[in-house]
Amino acid sequence: MIRVKNPDILRERLLRTEAKIKDIATRRHRGGYCWQQCPEQREKVKSLLIDRSVYLDRMFLATPAEVSRFEEINEKLISMADEMHARAAMMWETLIAMKKVTEFDDKYEVEGILTIEGSNDDEEFVLRLPEDAYYGSDFLFMSGVLNEVRDPFMYQAHCSCYADAQDLIAGIGRDEEAFNNSLEDGQSWAEAALCHPALNHICICHPIHDICTHHPYSIPDLLRINDFKSRVTLTVHHETTQAGIHCTDPRFRTLKE
């Protein structure tokens, strides 16, 4: 538990922590392997990133400009998540209407994903802000390291719906709740560092909760991210055995076991 509040002490610890991260991330390792390929090095970097996020959150100034930017990001992510869910529902209607190919179509999936990302080589995606000198962090470099250790399946908002082709053709409907943004119900997702007095008036959305609570991103990191992505995809699955038994055939599961 880090109880220090003095920003000078916190900044000193922050810079030492980032120096350790840079030493691992830039070092030429024996055998030429990258640090990301070594489980021990990855875990060490993850641990250091957690410490770094704690220092930055303890230093968070919450200036009027920072609070205003936080509000803008929060509204943007709520809007993007709502639009993603709505587009996914529209894509499902497109699936219903499109021509089916029974010889190929086994299962259908409509999926929506929203992610918050950064970059280690493009300043366009990691903003420079007036408070940078106060924090002292190398936000651009650290954004790249954060991206390297993040789970490739990490997302901040998600929706999906599956259906067997036979069920869809037979007119069996989808789960009516599949594309509802039920995580945004008017209750704030503020936890841990997000329970800051200057942010109490904001109904914090789930995407911000996810990245700042379940991943080593601090509030100052969030305020500098300038790369928000969402996508909606329709996938038609086809899976068969050598004998031509489709995955929707009851015999398929027996053959796989």
Protein backbone atom coordinates (compact mmCIF):
# COMPACT_ATOMS: atom_id res chain seq x y z
CA MET A 1 0.00 0.00 0.00
CA ILE A 2 1.48 3.34 -1.10
CA ARG A 3 0.49 6.05 1.39
CA VAL A 4 2.90 8.81 0.32
CA LYS A 5 1.17 11.99 -0.86
CA ASN A 6 4.15 14.30 -1.40
CA PRO A 7 4.26 14.81 -5.20
CA ASP A 8 8.05 15.28 -5.22
CA ILE A 9 8.60 11.93 -3.52
CA LEU A 10 6.01 10.26 -5.76
CA ARG A 11 7.63 11.74 -8.87
CA GLU A 12 11.04 10.49 -7.79
CA ARG A 13 9.64 6.98 -7.31
CA LEU A 14 7.81 7.22 -10.62
CA LEU A 15 10.97 8.12 -12.52
CA ARG A 16 12.92 5.30 -10.87
CA THR A 17 10.17 2.86 -11.80
CA GLU A 18 10.05 4.03 -15.41
CA ALA A 19 13.86 3.78 -15.60
CA LYS A 20 13.60 0.11 -14.58
CA ILE A 21 10.90 -0.48 -17.21
CA LYS A 22 13.01 1.19 -19.90
CA ASP A 23 16.05 -0.85 -18.89
CA ILE A 24 14.12 -4.08 -19.50
CA ALA A 25 12.31 -2.86 -22.61
CA THR A 26 15.40 -1.51 -24.38
CA ARG A 27 18.02 -4.02 -23.26
CA ARG A 28 19.58 -6.42 -25.79
CA HIS A 29 18.92 -9.83 -24.27
CA ARG A 30 21.20 -12.82 -24.64
CA GLY A 31 20.18 -14.91 -27.63
CA GLY A 32 18.48 -11.94 -29.29
CA TYR A 33 15.03 -12.58 -27.84
CA CYS A 34 12.63 -9.75 -27.08
CA TRP A 35 11.65 -9.07 -23.47
CA GLN A 36 8.01 -9.69 -24.41
CA GLN A 37 8.89 -13.33 -25.14
CA CYS A 38 10.21 -13.96 -21.63
CA PRO A 39 7.42 -14.70 -19.09
CA GLU A 40 9.59 -13.54 -16.17
CA GLN A 41 10.42 -10.24 -17.86
CA ARG A 42 6.79 -9.65 -18.84
CA GLU A 43 5.62 -10.23 -15.28
CA LYS A 44 8.33 -7.93 -13.94
CA VAL A 45 7.27 -5.17 -16.33
CA LYS A 46 3.60 -5.68 -15.45
CA SER A 47 4.42 -5.35 -11.75
CA LEU A 48 6.40 -2.16 -12.39
CA LEU A 49 3.55 -0.75 -14.51
CA ILE A 50 1.14 -1.30 -11.64
CA ASP A 51 3.45 0.62 -9.30
CA ARG A 52 3.74 3.36 -11.92
CA SER A 53 -0.04 3.71 -12.25
CA VAL A 54 -0.39 4.02 -8.47
CA TYR A 55 2.20 6.81 -8.31
CA LEU A 56 0.51 8.72 -11.14
CA ASP A 57 -2.95 8.32 -9.64
CA ARG A 58 -1.65 9.60 -6.31
CA MET A 59 -0.18 12.61 -8.15
CA PHE A 60 -3.34 13.31 -10.15
CA LEU A 61 -3.89 17.07 -10.00
CA ALA A 62 -7.52 17.08 -11.16
CA THR A 63 -7.17 20.57 -12.62
CA PRO A 64 -10.31 22.03 -14.24
CA ALA A 65 -8.79 21.22 -17.65
CA GLU A 66 -8.10 17.60 -16.63
CA VAL A 67 -11.57 17.12 -15.18
CA SER A 68 -13.10 18.61 -18.33
CA ARG A 69 -11.04 16.26 -20.52
CA PHE A 70 -12.08 13.31 -18.35
CA GLU A 71 -15.74 14.28 -18.83
CA GLU A 72 -15.25 14.50 -22.61
CA ILE A 73 -13.60 11.07 -22.79
CA ASN A 74 -16.32 9.57 -20.60
CA GLU A 75 -19.08 10.92 -22.86
CA LYS A 76 -17.19 9.84 -25.98
CA LEU A 77 -16.84 6.26 -24.76
CA ILE A 78 -20.49 6.04 -23.71
CA SER A 79 -21.50 7.29 -27.17
CA MET A 80 -19.12 4.90 -28.96
CA ALA A 81 -20.36 1.92 -26.92
CA ASP A 82 -24.01 2.81 -27.64
CA GLU A 83 -23.26 3.20 -31.35
CA MET A 84 -21.39 -0.12 -31.39
CA HIS A 85 -24.32 -1.96 -29.80
CA ALA A 86 -26.80 -0.31 -32.20
CA ARG A 87 -24.65 -1.17 -35.23
CA ALA A 88 -24.34 -4.77 -34.06
CA ALA A 89 -28.15 -5.02 -33.84
CA MET A 90 -28.38 -3.63 -37.39
CA MET A 91 -25.80 -6.16 -38.55
CA TRP A 92 -27.94 -8.96 -37.09
CA GLU A 93 -30.90 -7.71 -39.13
CA THR A 94 -28.63 -7.75 -42.19
CA LEU A 95 -27.76 -11.36 -41.37
CA ILE A 96 -31.45 -12.28 -41.16
CA ALA A 97 -32.12 -10.83 -44.60
CA MET A 98 -29.01 -12.04 -46.44
CA LYS A 99 -29.00 -15.11 -48.65
CA LYS A 100 -28.01 -18.30 -46.82
CA VAL A 101 -25.77 -21.01 -48.28
CA THR A 102 -26.74 -24.20 -46.50
CA GLU A 103 -23.76 -26.14 -47.86
CA PHE A 104 -21.37 -23.70 -46.17
CA ASP A 105 -23.16 -21.90 -43.33
CA ASP A 106 -22.91 -23.74 -40.00
CA LYS A 107 -22.97 -20.92 -37.46
CA TYR A 108 -23.24 -17.17 -37.45
CA GLU A 109 -21.70 -14.66 -35.10
CA VAL A 110 -22.17 -10.91 -34.82
CA GLU A 111 -19.66 -9.25 -32.51
CA GLY A 112 -18.93 -5.68 -31.45
CA ILE A 113 -15.71 -4.59 -29.75
CA LEU A 114 -14.53 -1.22 -28.40
CA THR A 115 -10.91 -0.70 -27.36
CA ILE A 116 -8.83 2.13 -25.93
CA GLU A 117 -5.29 2.07 -27.29
CA GLY A 118 -2.10 4.13 -27.48
CA SER A 119 1.15 4.17 -29.38
CA ASN A 120 4.89 4.27 -28.73
CA ASP A 121 5.90 5.80 -32.03
CA ASP A 122 3.16 8.25 -32.98
CA GLU A 123 2.57 11.36 -30.90
CA GLU A 124 -0.77 11.83 -32.62
CA PHE A 125 -2.17 9.03 -30.48
CA VAL A 126 -0.61 10.10 -27.16
CA LEU A 127 -1.37 13.75 -26.45
CA ARG A 128 1.02 16.23 -24.91
CA LEU A 129 -0.77 18.20 -22.19
CA PRO A 130 0.20 21.20 -20.05
CA GLU A 131 0.54 19.02 -16.93
CA ASP A 132 3.22 16.77 -18.50
CA ALA A 133 6.09 18.58 -16.78
CA TYR A 134 4.43 18.18 -13.37
CA TYR A 135 4.00 14.41 -13.74
CA GLY A 136 7.41 13.87 -15.37
CA SER A 137 6.37 10.60 -17.02
CA ASP A 138 7.47 9.55 -20.49
CA PHE A 139 3.85 8.96 -21.48
CA LEU A 140 4.63 8.17 -25.12
CA PHE A 141 7.16 5.44 -24.35
CA MET A 142 5.07 3.99 -21.55
CA SER A 143 2.02 3.86 -23.81
CA GLY A 144 3.95 1.53 -26.09
CA VAL A 145 4.97 -0.70 -23.17
CA LEU A 146 1.37 -0.80 -21.92
CA ASN A 147 0.28 -1.93 -25.37
CA GLU A 148 2.94 -4.65 -25.41
CA VAL A 149 1.77 -6.27 -22.17
CA ARG A 150 -1.95 -5.95 -22.73
CA ASP A 151 -3.98 -9.07 -23.44
CA PRO A 152 -4.62 -9.36 -27.20
CA PHE A 153 -8.27 -10.05 -26.35
CA MET A 154 -8.52 -7.02 -24.06
CA TYR A 155 -11.44 -4.76 -24.85
CA GLN A 156 -13.37 -2.12 -22.93
CA ALA A 157 -16.84 -2.87 -24.31
CA HIS A 158 -18.14 -5.97 -26.03
CA CYS A 159 -21.30 -7.58 -27.35
CA SER A 160 -21.90 -10.75 -29.34
CA CYS A 161 -24.61 -13.12 -30.47
CA TYR A 162 -24.31 -16.60 -31.98
CA ALA A 163 -26.77 -18.77 -33.85
CA ASP A 164 -26.73 -22.12 -35.62
CA ALA A 165 -27.63 -21.72 -39.26
CA GLN A 166 -30.45 -24.26 -38.90
CA ASP A 167 -31.99 -22.29 -36.03
CA LEU A 168 -31.76 -19.03 -37.94
CA ILE A 169 -33.31 -20.51 -41.07
CA ALA A 170 -36.08 -21.99 -38.87
CA GLY A 171 -36.85 -18.49 -37.59
CA ILE A 172 -35.59 -18.91 -34.02
CA GLY A 173 -34.85 -15.38 -32.78
CA ARG A 174 -31.75 -14.05 -31.08
CA ASP A 175 -31.31 -13.15 -27.44
CA GLU A 176 -33.12 -9.82 -27.16
CA GLU A 177 -30.59 -8.59 -24.58
CA ALA A 178 -27.52 -9.42 -26.68
CA PHE A 179 -27.10 -5.94 -28.14
CA ASN A 180 -28.34 -3.85 -25.23
CA ASN A 181 -25.68 -1.77 -23.49
CA SER A 182 -26.79 -3.03 -20.09
CA LEU A 183 -23.55 -2.06 -18.33
CA GLU A 184 -24.52 1.60 -18.53
CA ASP A 185 -27.55 1.72 -16.21
CA GLY A 186 -27.08 5.15 -14.67
CA GLN A 187 -24.82 3.89 -11.87
CA SER A 188 -21.22 5.07 -11.82
CA TRP A 189 -18.44 2.49 -12.26
CA ALA A 190 -16.10 4.53 -10.03
CA GLU A 191 -13.76 2.34 -8.00
CA ALA A 192 -10.27 2.69 -6.54
CA ALA A 193 -8.46 5.73 -8.01
CA LEU A 194 -11.61 6.73 -9.92
CA CYS A 195 -13.26 7.57 -6.57
CA HIS A 196 -11.60 10.96 -6.65
CA PRO A 197 -13.47 13.92 -5.10
CA ALA A 198 -13.05 15.96 -8.29
CA LEU A 199 -14.73 13.17 -10.31
CA ASN A 200 -17.63 12.43 -7.97
CA HIS A 201 -20.11 14.33 -10.14
CA ILE A 202 -19.35 12.11 -13.16
CA CYS A 203 -21.22 8.88 -13.84
CA ILE A 204 -18.10 6.99 -14.90
CA CYS A 205 -18.67 4.54 -17.75
CA HIS A 206 -17.63 0.89 -17.78
CA PRO A 207 -14.88 1.28 -20.44
CA ILE A 208 -13.03 3.77 -18.21
CA HIS A 209 -13.58 1.55 -15.18
CA ASP A 210 -12.17 -1.40 -17.09
CA ILE A 211 -8.97 0.23 -18.31
CA CYS A 212 -8.20 2.17 -15.10
CA THR A 213 -9.20 -0.54 -12.59
CA HIS A 214 -8.39 -3.86 -14.26
CA HIS A 215 -5.33 -2.75 -16.24
CA PRO A 216 -2.24 -0.71 -15.25
CA TYR A 217 -3.43 2.55 -16.83
CA SER A 218 -3.53 5.60 -14.57
CA ILE A 219 -5.98 8.48 -14.93
CA PRO A 220 -3.20 10.68 -16.41
CA ASP A 221 -2.52 7.90 -18.97
CA LEU A 222 -6.20 7.82 -19.91
CA LEU A 223 -6.33 11.59 -20.44
CA ARG A 224 -3.51 11.37 -22.99
CA ILE A 225 -4.83 8.47 -25.05
CA ASN A 226 -6.07 9.67 -28.42
CA ASP A 227 -6.87 6.35 -30.08
CA PHE A 228 -10.35 4.86 -29.61
CA LYS A 229 -11.47 2.03 -31.87
CA SER A 230 -14.66 0.06 -32.33
CA ARG A 231 -15.65 -2.57 -34.84
CA VAL A 232 -18.65 -4.71 -35.63
CA THR A 233 -18.15 -7.94 -37.55
CA LEU A 234 -20.33 -10.66 -39.02
CA THR A 235 -18.66 -14.06 -39.19
CA VAL A 236 -20.00 -17.10 -40.99
CA HIS A 237 -18.49 -20.29 -39.54
CA HIS A 238 -17.93 -23.47 -41.51
CA GLU A 239 -16.39 -26.51 -39.84
CA THR A 240 -16.36 -30.06 -41.15
CA THR A 241 -14.59 -33.40 -40.91
CA GLN A 242 -12.84 -35.25 -43.71
CA ALA A 243 -16.03 -37.23 -44.18
CA GLY A 244 -18.03 -34.04 -44.64
CA ILE A 245 -19.82 -34.08 -41.27
CA HIS A 246 -20.63 -30.50 -40.29
CA CYS A 247 -20.13 -29.16 -36.77
CA THR A 248 -23.91 -28.77 -36.39
CA ASP A 249 -24.37 -32.52 -36.88
CA PRO A 250 -24.76 -34.40 -33.53
CA ARG A 251 -22.20 -36.93 -34.78
CA PHE A 252 -19.55 -34.18 -34.98
CA ARG A 253 -19.16 -33.89 -31.20
CA THR A 254 -18.76 -37.66 -30.88
CA LEU A 255 -15.99 -37.63 -33.46
CA LYS A 256 -14.17 -34.82 -31.64
CA GLU A 257 -14.18 -36.57 -28.25
